[in-house]
């Protein structure tokens, strides 16, 4: 129940931010907005509220790695903050290992954005 409420609040915050976001910031993140929203099941883990990621989080992470890995770079480079999320960088970097999902090296993010 609490997770549903967090997802609902996260989604509402996202809608408000997108609505009032400056065009320049929107252009950079608009391609990743739905992808980042799809990672909402990971919020408890990457914010440090949970020690293990949910199964749905790992499933979504695997999908994002296959379809939009550049969006993961946006999140790691502080992009989550524009959506009102303060993530634990250590937990975010540990997420692929916790989910047993192979991701490209973080060093490749420099050339993706």
PDB file of N, CA and C in Angstrom:
ATOM      1  N   UNK A   1       0.821  -1.176   0.000  1.00  0.00           N
ATOM      2  CA  UNK A   1       0.000   0.000   0.000  1.00  0.00           C
ATOM      3  C   UNK A   1       0.877   1.256   0.000  1.00  0.00           C
ATOM      4  N   UNK A   2       1.916   1.276   0.846  1.00  0.00           N
ATOM      5  CA  UNK A   2       2.801   2.429   0.917  1.00  0.00           C
ATOM      6  C   UNK A   2       3.543   2.621  -0.400  1.00  0.00           C
ATOM      7  N   UNK A   3       3.936   1.531  -1.051  1.00  0.00           N
ATOM      8  CA  UNK A   3       4.635   1.634  -2.333  1.00  0.00           C
ATOM      9  C   UNK A   3       3.721   2.241  -3.386  1.00  0.00           C
ATOM     10  N   UNK A   4       2.457   1.835  -3.398  1.00  0.00           N
ATOM     11  CA  UNK A   4       1.505   2.411  -4.356  1.00  0.00           C
ATOM     12  C   UNK A   4       1.370   3.909  -4.145  1.00  0.00           C
ATOM     13  N   UNK A   5       1.314   4.316  -2.901  1.00  0.00           N
ATOM     14  CA  UNK A   5       1.207   5.733  -2.591  1.00  0.00           C
ATOM     15  C   UNK A   5       2.451   6.470  -3.058  1.00  0.00           C
ATOM     16  N   UNK A   6       3.634   5.890  -2.841  1.00  0.00           N
ATOM     17  CA  UNK A   6       4.874   6.523  -3.290  1.00  0.00           C
ATOM     18  C   UNK A   6       4.898   6.651  -4.813  1.00  0.00           C
ATOM     19  N   UNK A   7       4.465   5.608  -5.510  1.00  0.00           N
ATOM     20  CA  UNK A   7       4.439   5.648  -6.970  1.00  0.00           C
ATOM     21  C   UNK A   7       3.460   6.712  -7.447  1.00  0.00           C
ATOM     22  N   UNK A   8       2.297   6.802  -6.808  1.00  0.00           N
ATOM     23  CA  UNK A   8       1.315   7.812  -7.167  1.00  0.00           C
ATOM     24  C   UNK A   8       1.874   9.213  -6.949  1.00  0.00           C
ATOM     25  N   UNK A   9       2.467   9.446  -5.793  1.00  0.00           N
ATOM     26  CA  UNK A   9       3.055  10.752  -5.499  1.00  0.00           C
ATOM     27  C   UNK A   9       4.170  11.059  -6.497  1.00  0.00           C
ATOM     28  N   UNK A  10       5.026  10.085  -6.767  1.00  0.00           N
ATOM     29  CA  UNK A  10       6.118  10.271  -7.723  1.00  0.00           C
ATOM     30  C   UNK A  10       5.559  10.652  -9.091  1.00  0.00           C
ATOM     31  N   UNK A  11       4.521   9.962  -9.531  1.00  0.00           N
ATOM     32  CA  UNK A  11       3.925  10.243 -10.835  1.00  0.00           C
ATOM     33  C   UNK A  11       3.321  11.644 -10.871  1.00  0.00           C
ATOM     34  N   UNK A  12       2.625  12.038  -9.818  1.00  0.00           N
ATOM     35  CA  UNK A  12       2.047  13.377  -9.771  1.00  0.00           C
ATOM     36  C   UNK A  12       3.122  14.458  -9.771  1.00  0.00           C
ATOM     37  N   UNK A  13       4.188  14.229  -9.017  1.00  0.00           N
ATOM     38  CA  UNK A  13       5.300  15.181  -9.009  1.00  0.00           C
ATOM     39  C   UNK A  13       5.911  15.289 -10.405  1.00  0.00           C
ATOM     40  N   UNK A  14       6.069  14.150 -11.063  1.00  0.00           N
ATOM     41  CA  UNK A  14       6.623  14.147 -12.425  1.00  0.00           C
ATOM     42  C   UNK A  14       5.761  14.977 -13.368  1.00  0.00           C
ATOM     43  N   UNK A  15       4.466  14.803 -13.294  1.00  0.00           N
ATOM     44  CA  UNK A  15       3.554  15.552 -14.170  1.00  0.00           C
ATOM     45  C   UNK A  15       3.683  17.044 -13.910  1.00  0.00           C
ATOM     46  N   UNK A  16       3.740  17.432 -12.638  1.00  0.00           N
ATOM     47  CA  UNK A  16       3.870  18.851 -12.309  1.00  0.00           C
ATOM     48  C   UNK A  16       5.208  19.411 -12.777  1.00  0.00           C
ATOM     49  N   UNK A  17       6.269  18.662 -12.587  1.00  0.00           N
ATOM     50  CA  UNK A  17       7.595  19.139 -12.990  1.00  0.00           C
ATOM     51  C   UNK A  17       7.660  19.293 -14.499  1.00  0.00           C
ATOM     52  N   UNK A  18       7.157  18.307 -15.225  1.00  0.00           N
ATOM     53  CA  UNK A  18       7.183  18.369 -16.684  1.00  0.00           C
ATOM     54  C   UNK A  18       6.360  19.552 -17.172  1.00  0.00           C
ATOM     55  N   UNK A  19       5.239  19.789 -16.535  1.00  0.00           N
ATOM     56  CA  UNK A  19       4.357  20.886 -16.935  1.00  0.00           C
ATOM     57  C   UNK A  19       5.041  22.242 -16.786  1.00  0.00           C
ATOM     58  N   UNK A  20       5.817  22.415 -15.720  1.00  0.00           N
ATOM     59  CA  UNK A  20       6.412  23.714 -15.441  1.00  0.00           C
ATOM     60  C   UNK A  20       7.920  23.781 -15.684  1.00  0.00           C
ATOM     61  N   UNK A  21       8.483  22.751 -16.261  1.00  0.00           N
ATOM     62  CA  UNK A  21       9.918  22.682 -16.510  1.00  0.00           C
ATOM     63  C   UNK A  21      10.312  23.633 -17.652  1.00  0.00           C
ATOM     64  N   UNK A  22      11.432  24.324 -17.517  1.00  0.00           N
ATOM     65  CA  UNK A  22      11.906  25.148 -18.624  1.00  0.00           C
ATOM     66  C   UNK A  22      12.156  24.284 -19.862  1.00  0.00           C
ATOM     67  N   UNK A  23      11.926  24.844 -21.032  1.00  0.00           N
ATOM     68  CA  UNK A  23      12.064  24.085 -22.276  1.00  0.00           C
ATOM     69  C   UNK A  23      13.450  23.460 -22.446  1.00  0.00           C
ATOM     70  N   UNK A  24      14.491  24.162 -22.052  1.00  0.00           N
ATOM     71  CA  UNK A  24      15.849  23.643 -22.215  1.00  0.00           C
ATOM     72  C   UNK A  24      16.032  22.361 -21.406  1.00  0.00           C
ATOM     73  N   UNK A  25      15.589  22.361 -20.164  1.00  0.00           N
ATOM     74  CA  UNK A  25      15.700  21.165 -19.329  1.00  0.00           C
ATOM     75  C   UNK A  25      14.805  20.063 -19.860  1.00  0.00           C
ATOM     76  N   UNK A  26      13.636  20.445 -20.369  1.00  0.00           N
ATOM     77  CA  UNK A  26      12.711  19.453 -20.904  1.00  0.00           C
ATOM     78  C   UNK A  26      13.298  18.766 -22.122  1.00  0.00           C
ATOM     79  N   UNK A  27      13.969  19.507 -22.973  1.00  0.00           N
ATOM     80  CA  UNK A  27      14.548  18.914 -24.182  1.00  0.00           C
ATOM     81  C   UNK A  27      15.562  17.834 -23.842  1.00  0.00           C
ATOM     82  N   UNK A  28      16.341  18.030 -22.801  1.00  0.00           N
ATOM     83  CA  UNK A  28      17.359  17.056 -22.422  1.00  0.00           C
ATOM     84  C   UNK A  28      16.752  15.784 -21.856  1.00  0.00           C
ATOM     85  N   UNK A  29      15.660  15.913 -21.114  1.00  0.00           N
ATOM     86  CA  UNK A  29      15.135  14.748 -20.419  1.00  0.00           C
ATOM     87  C   UNK A  29      13.860  14.171 -21.024  1.00  0.00           C
ATOM     88  N   UNK A  30      13.263  14.852 -21.997  1.00  0.00           N
ATOM     89  CA  UNK A  30      11.964  14.415 -22.500  1.00  0.00           C
ATOM     90  C   UNK A  30      12.009  13.007 -23.073  1.00  0.00           C
ATOM     91  N   UNK A  31      13.098  12.639 -23.699  1.00  0.00           N
ATOM     92  CA  UNK A  31      13.205  11.299 -24.254  1.00  0.00           C
ATOM     93  C   UNK A  31      13.255  10.237 -23.160  1.00  0.00           C
ATOM     94  N   UNK A  32      13.669  10.609 -21.983  1.00  0.00           N
ATOM     95  CA  UNK A  32      13.841   9.641 -20.890  1.00  0.00           C
ATOM     96  C   UNK A  32      12.745   9.699 -19.837  1.00  0.00           C
ATOM     97  N   UNK A  33      11.820  10.616 -19.951  1.00  0.00           N
ATOM     98  CA  UNK A  33      10.812  10.780 -18.910  1.00  0.00           C
ATOM     99  C   UNK A  33      10.044   9.496 -18.639  1.00  0.00           C
ATOM    100  N   UNK A  34       9.480   8.892 -19.671  1.00  0.00           N
ATOM    101  CA  UNK A  34       8.687   7.675 -19.447  1.00  0.00           C
ATOM    102  C   UNK A  34       9.573   6.522 -18.970  1.00  0.00           C
ATOM    103  N   UNK A  35      10.818   6.511 -19.438  1.00  0.00           N
ATOM    104  CA  UNK A  35      11.744   5.470 -18.999  1.00  0.00           C
ATOM    105  C   UNK A  35      12.054   5.616 -17.515  1.00  0.00           C
ATOM    106  N   UNK A  36      12.298   6.840 -17.088  1.00  0.00           N
ATOM    107  CA  UNK A  36      12.592   7.086 -15.675  1.00  0.00           C
ATOM    108  C   UNK A  36      11.371   6.762 -14.817  1.00  0.00           C
ATOM    109  N   UNK A  37      10.191   7.117 -15.286  1.00  0.00           N
ATOM    110  CA  UNK A  37       8.964   6.789 -14.552  1.00  0.00           C
ATOM    111  C   UNK A  37       8.810   5.277 -14.430  1.00  0.00           C
ATOM    112  N   UNK A  38       9.213   4.548 -15.471  1.00  0.00           N
ATOM    113  CA  UNK A  38       9.071   3.086 -15.425  1.00  0.00           C
ATOM    114  C   UNK A  38       9.955   2.461 -14.346  1.00  0.00           C
ATOM    115  N   UNK A  39      10.950   3.208 -13.874  1.00  0.00           N
ATOM    116  CA  UNK A  39      11.827   2.712 -12.818  1.00  0.00           C
ATOM    117  C   UNK A  39      11.317   3.052 -11.414  1.00  0.00           C
ATOM    118  N   UNK A  40      10.089   3.542 -11.321  1.00  0.00           N
ATOM    119  CA  UNK A  40       9.503   3.877 -10.019  1.00  0.00           C
ATOM    120  C   UNK A  40       9.550   2.715  -9.025  1.00  0.00           C
ATOM    121  N   UNK A  41       9.400   1.446  -9.460  1.00  0.00           N
ATOM    122  CA  UNK A  41       9.506   0.356  -8.480  1.00  0.00           C
ATOM    123  C   UNK A  41      10.884   0.276  -7.805  1.00  0.00           C
ATOM    124  N   UNK A  42      11.869   0.991  -8.334  1.00  0.00           N
ATOM    125  CA  UNK A  42      13.223   0.978  -7.764  1.00  0.00           C
ATOM    126  C   UNK A  42      13.429   2.071  -6.721  1.00  0.00           C
ATOM    127  N   UNK A  43      12.453   2.943  -6.547  1.00  0.00           N
ATOM    128  CA  UNK A  43      12.621   4.092  -5.656  1.00  0.00           C
ATOM    129  C   UNK A  43      13.056   3.716  -4.247  1.00  0.00           C
ATOM    130  N   UNK A  44      12.397   2.732  -3.660  1.00  0.00           N
ATOM    131  CA  UNK A  44      12.760   2.372  -2.285  1.00  0.00           C
ATOM    132  C   UNK A  44      14.214   1.944  -2.178  1.00  0.00           C
ATOM    133  N   UNK A  45      14.702   1.263  -3.178  1.00  0.00           N
ATOM    134  CA  UNK A  45      16.095   0.802  -3.134  1.00  0.00           C
ATOM    135  C   UNK A  45      17.067   1.950  -3.383  1.00  0.00           C
ATOM    136  N   UNK A  46      16.871   2.713  -4.459  1.00  0.00           N
ATOM    137  CA  UNK A  46      17.862   3.735  -4.816  1.00  0.00           C
ATOM    138  C   UNK A  46      17.828   4.974  -3.931  1.00  0.00           C
ATOM    139  N   UNK A  47      16.783   5.109  -3.131  1.00  0.00           N
ATOM    140  CA  UNK A  47      16.767   6.207  -2.160  1.00  0.00           C
ATOM    141  C   UNK A  47      17.265   5.759  -0.799  1.00  0.00           C
ATOM    142  N   UNK A  48      17.556   4.460  -0.669  1.00  0.00           N
ATOM    143  CA  UNK A  48      18.095   3.936   0.579  1.00  0.00           C
ATOM    144  C   UNK A  48      17.044   3.469   1.567  1.00  0.00           C
ATOM    145  N   UNK A  49      15.778   3.429   1.152  1.00  0.00           N
ATOM    146  CA  UNK A  49      14.703   3.003   2.053  1.00  0.00           C
ATOM    147  C   UNK A  49      14.583   1.494   2.183  1.00  0.00           C
ATOM    148  N   UNK A  50      15.193   0.762   1.250  1.00  0.00           N
ATOM    149  CA  UNK A  50      15.107  -0.697   1.263  1.00  0.00           C
ATOM    150  C   UNK A  50      16.485  -1.289   0.989  1.00  0.00           C
ATOM    151  N   UNK A  51      16.750  -2.434   1.592  1.00  0.00           N
ATOM    152  CA  UNK A  51      18.046  -3.092   1.392  1.00  0.00           C
ATOM    153  C   UNK A  51      18.094  -3.956   0.143  1.00  0.00           C
ATOM    154  N   UNK A  52      16.928  -4.324  -0.378  1.00  0.00           N
ATOM    155  CA  UNK A  52      16.878  -5.153  -1.587  1.00  0.00           C
ATOM    156  C   UNK A  52      15.873  -4.566  -2.561  1.00  0.00           C
ATOM    157  N   UNK A  53      16.189  -4.595  -3.849  1.00  0.00           N
ATOM    158  CA  UNK A  53      15.244  -4.071  -4.843  1.00  0.00           C
ATOM    159  C   UNK A  53      14.087  -5.044  -5.056  1.00  0.00           C
ATOM    160  N   UNK A  54      12.938  -4.500  -5.404  1.00  0.00           N
ATOM    161  CA  UNK A  54      11.766  -5.323  -5.704  1.00  0.00           C
ATOM    162  C   UNK A  54      11.985  -6.064  -7.026  1.00  0.00           C
ATOM    163  N   UNK A  55      11.321  -7.186  -7.184  1.00  0.00           N
ATOM    164  CA  UNK A  55      11.421  -7.965  -8.423  1.00  0.00           C
ATOM    165  C   UNK A  55      10.996  -7.105  -9.615  1.00  0.00           C
ATOM    166  N   UNK A  56       9.940  -6.308  -9.444  1.00  0.00           N
ATOM    167  CA  UNK A  56       9.473  -5.449 -10.543  1.00  0.00           C
ATOM    168  C   UNK A  56      10.520  -4.398 -10.908  1.00  0.00           C
ATOM    169  N   UNK A  57      11.275  -3.966  -9.933  1.00  0.00           N
ATOM    170  CA  UNK A  57      12.375  -3.030 -10.191  1.00  0.00           C
ATOM    171  C   UNK A  57      13.406  -3.678 -11.105  1.00  0.00           C
ATOM    172  N   UNK A  58      13.806  -4.878 -10.764  1.00  0.00           N
ATOM    173  CA  UNK A  58      14.834  -5.572 -11.543  1.00  0.00           C
ATOM    174  C   UNK A  58      14.356  -5.866 -12.960  1.00  0.00           C
ATOM    175  N   UNK A  59      13.091  -6.209 -13.093  1.00  0.00           N
ATOM    176  CA  UNK A  59      12.522  -6.456 -14.414  1.00  0.00           C
ATOM    177  C   UNK A  59      12.577  -5.182 -15.253  1.00  0.00           C
ATOM    178  N   UNK A  60      12.172  -4.061 -14.660  1.00  0.00           N
ATOM    179  CA  UNK A  60      12.197  -2.787 -15.385  1.00  0.00           C
ATOM    180  C   UNK A  60      13.623  -2.356 -15.704  1.00  0.00           C
ATOM    181  N   UNK A  61      14.529  -2.556 -14.780  1.00  0.00           N
ATOM    182  CA  UNK A  61      15.925  -2.208 -15.021  1.00  0.00           C
ATOM    183  C   UNK A  61      16.459  -2.971 -16.226  1.00  0.00           C
ATOM    184  N   UNK A  62      16.179  -4.253 -16.299  1.00  0.00           N
ATOM    185  CA  UNK A  62      16.636  -5.068 -17.429  1.00  0.00           C
ATOM    186  C   UNK A  62      16.068  -4.542 -18.749  1.00  0.00           C
ATOM    187  N   UNK A  63      14.808  -4.119 -18.732  1.00  0.00           N
ATOM    188  CA  UNK A  63      14.194  -3.563 -19.946  1.00  0.00           C
ATOM    189  C   UNK A  63      14.872  -2.257 -20.355  1.00  0.00           C
ATOM    190  N   UNK A  64      15.128  -1.400 -19.379  1.00  0.00           N
ATOM    191  CA  UNK A  64      15.762  -0.109 -19.667  1.00  0.00           C
ATOM    192  C   UNK A  64      17.173  -0.308 -20.213  1.00  0.00           C
ATOM    193  N   UNK A  65      17.901  -1.243 -19.658  1.00  0.00           N
ATOM    194  CA  UNK A  65      19.261  -1.526 -20.152  1.00  0.00           C
ATOM    195  C   UNK A  65      19.208  -1.922 -21.627  1.00  0.00           C
ATOM    196  N   UNK A  66      18.195  -2.684 -22.005  1.00  0.00           N
ATOM    197  CA  UNK A  66      18.067  -3.130 -23.393  1.00  0.00           C
ATOM    198  C   UNK A  66      17.576  -2.023 -24.326  1.00  0.00           C
ATOM    199  N   UNK A  67      16.686  -1.152 -23.837  1.00  0.00           N
ATOM    200  CA  UNK A  67      16.051  -0.176 -24.727  1.00  0.00           C
ATOM    201  C   UNK A  67      16.623   1.240 -24.637  1.00  0.00           C
ATOM    202  N   UNK A  68      16.939   1.717 -23.436  1.00  0.00           N
ATOM    203  CA  UNK A  68      17.367   3.112 -23.241  1.00  0.00           C
ATOM    204  C   UNK A  68      18.479   3.258 -22.217  1.00  0.00           C
ATOM    205  N   UNK A  69      19.629   2.641 -22.427  1.00  0.00           N
ATOM    206  CA  UNK A  69      20.677   2.754 -21.403  1.00  0.00           C
ATOM    207  C   UNK A  69      21.123   4.193 -21.143  1.00  0.00           C
ATOM    208  N   UNK A  70      20.962   5.076 -22.127  1.00  0.00           N
ATOM    209  CA  UNK A  70      21.358   6.478 -21.927  1.00  0.00           C
ATOM    210  C   UNK A  70      20.530   7.132 -20.824  1.00  0.00           C
ATOM    211  N   UNK A  71      19.313   6.648 -20.628  1.00  0.00           N
ATOM    212  CA  UNK A  71      18.460   7.202 -19.574  1.00  0.00           C
ATOM    213  C   UNK A  71      19.003   6.864 -18.190  1.00  0.00           C
ATOM    214  N   UNK A  72      19.660   5.724 -18.058  1.00  0.00           N
ATOM    215  CA  UNK A  72      20.310   5.391 -16.791  1.00  0.00           C
ATOM    216  C   UNK A  72      21.423   6.384 -16.504  1.00  0.00           C
ATOM    217  N   UNK A  73      22.120   6.789 -17.542  1.00  0.00           N
ATOM    218  CA  UNK A  73      23.180   7.791 -17.378  1.00  0.00           C
ATOM    219  C   UNK A  73      22.590   9.110 -16.894  1.00  0.00           C
ATOM    220  N   UNK A  74      21.450   9.487 -17.458  1.00  0.00           N
ATOM    221  CA  UNK A  74      20.800  10.731 -17.045  1.00  0.00           C
ATOM    222  C   UNK A  74      20.476  10.686 -15.552  1.00  0.00           C
ATOM    223  N   UNK A  75      19.970   9.557 -15.079  1.00  0.00           N
ATOM    224  CA  UNK A  75      19.654   9.404 -13.658  1.00  0.00           C
ATOM    225  C   UNK A  75      20.925   9.503 -12.822  1.00  0.00           C
ATOM    226  N   UNK A  76      21.967   8.796 -13.225  1.00  0.00           N
ATOM    227  CA  UNK A  76      23.221   8.792 -12.459  1.00  0.00           C
ATOM    228  C   UNK A  76      23.902  10.151 -12.451  1.00  0.00           C
ATOM    229  N   UNK A  77      23.689  10.943 -13.496  1.00  0.00           N
ATOM    230  CA  UNK A  77      24.313  12.263 -13.584  1.00  0.00           C
ATOM    231  C   UNK A  77      23.466  13.349 -12.929  1.00  0.00           C
ATOM    232  N   UNK A  78      22.550  12.957 -12.063  1.00  0.00           N
ATOM    233  CA  UNK A  78      21.750  13.931 -11.329  1.00  0.00           C
ATOM    234  C   UNK A  78      20.397  14.212 -11.932  1.00  0.00           C
ATOM    235  N   UNK A  79      20.037  13.533 -12.995  1.00  0.00           N
ATOM    236  CA  UNK A  79      18.760  13.779 -13.652  1.00  0.00           C
ATOM    237  C   UNK A  79      17.556  13.456 -12.796  1.00  0.00           C
ATOM    238  N   UNK A  80      17.713  12.576 -11.837  1.00  0.00           N
ATOM    239  CA  UNK A  80      16.582  12.217 -10.971  1.00  0.00           C
ATOM    240  C   UNK A  80      16.167  13.392 -10.100  1.00  0.00           C
ATOM    241  N   UNK A  81      17.093  14.286  -9.802  1.00  0.00           N
ATOM    242  CA  UNK A  81      16.768  15.416  -8.931  1.00  0.00           C
ATOM    243  C   UNK A  81      15.731  16.336  -9.561  1.00  0.00           C
ATOM    244  N   UNK A  82      15.726  16.435 -10.887  1.00  0.00           N
ATOM    245  CA  UNK A  82      14.728  17.290 -11.530  1.00  0.00           C
ATOM    246  C   UNK A  82      13.328  16.684 -11.441  1.00  0.00           C
ATOM    247  N   UNK A  83      13.250  15.428 -11.031  1.00  0.00           N
ATOM    248  CA  UNK A  83      11.971  14.773 -10.828  1.00  0.00           C
ATOM    249  C   UNK A  83      11.615  14.701  -9.349  1.00  0.00           C
ATOM    250  N   UNK A  84      12.368  15.404  -8.514  1.00  0.00           N
ATOM    251  CA  UNK A  84      12.087  15.441  -7.098  1.00  0.00           C
ATOM    252  C   UNK A  84      12.573  14.229  -6.325  1.00  0.00           C
ATOM    253  N   UNK A  85      13.518  13.489  -6.909  1.00  0.00           N
ATOM    254  CA  UNK A  85      14.031  12.285  -6.262  1.00  0.00           C
ATOM    255  C   UNK A  85      15.485  12.497  -5.889  1.00  0.00           C
ATOM    256  N   UNK A  86      15.804  12.276  -4.620  1.00  0.00           N
ATOM    257  CA  UNK A  86      17.184  12.311  -4.172  1.00  0.00           C
ATOM    258  C   UNK A  86      17.627  10.873  -4.011  1.00  0.00           C
ATOM    259  N   UNK A  87      18.510  10.447  -4.890  1.00  0.00           N
ATOM    260  CA  UNK A  87      18.915   9.047  -4.817  1.00  0.00           C
ATOM    261  C   UNK A  87      20.236   8.887  -4.092  1.00  0.00           C
ATOM    262  N   UNK A  88      20.410   7.714  -3.565  1.00  0.00           N
ATOM    263  CA  UNK A  88      21.641   7.323  -2.909  1.00  0.00           C
ATOM    264  C   UNK A  88      22.548   6.808  -4.036  1.00  0.00           C
ATOM    265  N   UNK A  89      23.572   7.562  -4.387  1.00  0.00           N
ATOM    266  CA  UNK A  89      24.433   7.222  -5.522  1.00  0.00           C
ATOM    267  C   UNK A  89      25.043   5.828  -5.370  1.00  0.00           C
ATOM    268  N   UNK A  90      25.434   5.486  -4.165  1.00  0.00           N
ATOM    269  CA  UNK A  90      26.014   4.166  -3.921  1.00  0.00           C
ATOM    270  C   UNK A  90      25.000   3.074  -4.218  1.00  0.00           C
ATOM    271  N   UNK A  91      23.761   3.255  -3.752  1.00  0.00           N
ATOM    272  CA  UNK A  91      22.702   2.274  -4.006  1.00  0.00           C
ATOM    273  C   UNK A  91      22.363   2.220  -5.493  1.00  0.00           C
ATOM    274  N   UNK A  92      22.320   3.371  -6.139  1.00  0.00           N
ATOM    275  CA  UNK A  92      22.003   3.409  -7.572  1.00  0.00           C
ATOM    276  C   UNK A  92      23.053   2.641  -8.369  1.00  0.00           C
ATOM    277  N   UNK A  93      24.315   2.811  -8.012  1.00  0.00           N
ATOM    278  CA  UNK A  93      25.391   2.098  -8.708  1.00  0.00           C
ATOM    279  C   UNK A  93      25.386   0.606  -8.371  1.00  0.00           C
ATOM    280  N   UNK A  94      24.849   0.255  -7.198  1.00  0.00           N
ATOM    281  CA  UNK A  94      24.790  -1.150  -6.793  1.00  0.00           C
ATOM    282  C   UNK A  94      23.559  -1.870  -7.341  1.00  0.00           C
ATOM    283  N   UNK A  95      22.602  -1.127  -7.869  1.00  0.00           N
ATOM    284  CA  UNK A  95      21.351  -1.722  -8.332  1.00  0.00           C
ATOM    285  C   UNK A  95      21.545  -2.822  -9.376  1.00  0.00           C
ATOM    286  N   UNK A  96      22.348  -2.623 -10.407  1.00  0.00           N
ATOM    287  CA  UNK A  96      22.514  -3.714 -11.390  1.00  0.00           C
ATOM    288  C   UNK A  96      23.018  -5.011 -10.753  1.00  0.00           C
ATOM    289  N   UNK A  97      23.955  -4.912  -9.838  1.00  0.00           N
ATOM    290  CA  UNK A  97      24.467  -6.102  -9.160  1.00  0.00           C
ATOM    291  C   UNK A  97      23.411  -6.747  -8.277  1.00  0.00           C
ATOM    292  N   UNK A  98      22.636  -5.913  -7.576  1.00  0.00           N
ATOM    293  CA  UNK A  98      21.579  -6.434  -6.707  1.00  0.00           C
ATOM    294  C   UNK A  98      20.485  -7.120  -7.522  1.00  0.00           C
ATOM    295  N   UNK A  99      20.302  -6.655  -8.755  1.00  0.00           N
ATOM    296  CA  UNK A  99      19.293  -7.245  -9.644  1.00  0.00           C
ATOM    297  C   UNK A  99      19.873  -8.328 -10.558  1.00  0.00           C
ATOM    298  N   UNK A 100      21.193  -8.479 -10.506  1.00  0.00           N
ATOM    299  CA  UNK A 100      21.866  -9.426 -11.397  1.00  0.00           C
ATOM    300  C   UNK A 100      21.597  -9.083 -12.868  1.00  0.00           C
ATOM    301  N   UNK A 101      21.707  -7.790 -13.182  1.00  0.00           N
ATOM    302  CA  UNK A 101      21.482  -7.281 -14.538  1.00  0.00           C
ATOM    303  C   UNK A 101      22.790  -6.697 -15.051  1.00  0.00           C
ATOM    304  N   UNK A 102      23.227  -7.162 -16.192  1.00  0.00           N
ATOM    305  CA  UNK A 102      24.457  -6.664 -16.809  1.00  0.00           C
ATOM    306  C   UNK A 102      24.193  -5.308 -17.461  1.00  0.00           C
ATOM    307  N   UNK A 103      24.961  -4.301 -17.090  1.00  0.00           N
ATOM    308  CA  UNK A 103      24.815  -2.964 -17.670  1.00  0.00           C
ATOM    309  C   UNK A 103      26.129  -2.542 -18.317  1.00  0.00           C
ATOM    310  N   UNK A 104      26.063  -1.584 -19.253  1.00  0.00           N
ATOM    311  CA  UNK A 104      27.309  -1.040 -19.788  1.00  0.00           C
ATOM    312  C   UNK A 104      28.078  -0.340 -18.662  1.00  0.00           C
ATOM    313  N   UNK A 105      29.386  -0.209 -18.799  1.00  0.00           N
ATOM    314  CA  UNK A 105      30.164   0.484 -17.758  1.00  0.00           C
ATOM    315  C   UNK A 105      29.715   1.945 -17.593  1.00  0.00           C
ATOM    316  N   UNK A 106      29.735   2.431 -16.384  1.00  0.00           N
ATOM    317  CA  UNK A 106      29.336   3.806 -16.093  1.00  0.00           C
ATOM    318  C   UNK A 106      30.200   4.793 -16.882  1.00  0.00           C
ATOM    319  N   UNK A 107      31.446   4.428 -17.154  1.00  0.00           N
ATOM    320  CA  UNK A 107      32.352   5.316 -17.899  1.00  0.00           C
ATOM    321  C   UNK A 107      31.818   5.654 -19.283  1.00  0.00           C
ATOM    322  N   UNK A 108      30.945   4.828 -19.830  1.00  0.00           N
ATOM    323  CA  UNK A 108      30.363   5.107 -21.146  1.00  0.00           C
ATOM    324  C   UNK A 108      29.325   6.213 -21.115  1.00  0.00           C
ATOM    325  N   UNK A 109      28.891   6.596 -19.914  1.00  0.00           N
ATOM    326  CA  UNK A 109      27.897   7.668 -19.802  1.00  0.00           C
ATOM    327  C   UNK A 109      28.429   8.990 -20.328  1.00  0.00           C
ATOM    328  N   UNK A 110      29.718   9.229 -20.208  1.00  0.00           N
ATOM    329  CA  UNK A 110      30.286  10.490 -20.671  1.00  0.00           C
ATOM    330  C   UNK A 110      30.026  10.743 -22.140  1.00  0.00           C
ATOM    331  N   UNK A 111      30.021   9.719 -22.952  1.00  0.00           N
ATOM    332  CA  UNK A 111      29.782   9.891 -24.377  1.00  0.00           C
ATOM    333  C   UNK A 111      28.342   9.749 -24.801  1.00  0.00           C
ATOM    334  N   UNK A 112      27.459   9.367 -23.873  1.00  0.00           N
ATOM    335  CA  UNK A 112      26.057   9.132 -24.235  1.00  0.00           C
ATOM    336  C   UNK A 112      25.183  10.376 -24.143  1.00  0.00           C
ATOM    337  N   UNK A 113      25.523  11.304 -23.260  1.00  0.00           N
ATOM    338  CA  UNK A 113      24.657  12.469 -23.064  1.00  0.00           C
ATOM    339  C   UNK A 113      25.171  13.689 -23.768  1.00  0.00           C
TER     340      UNK A 113
END
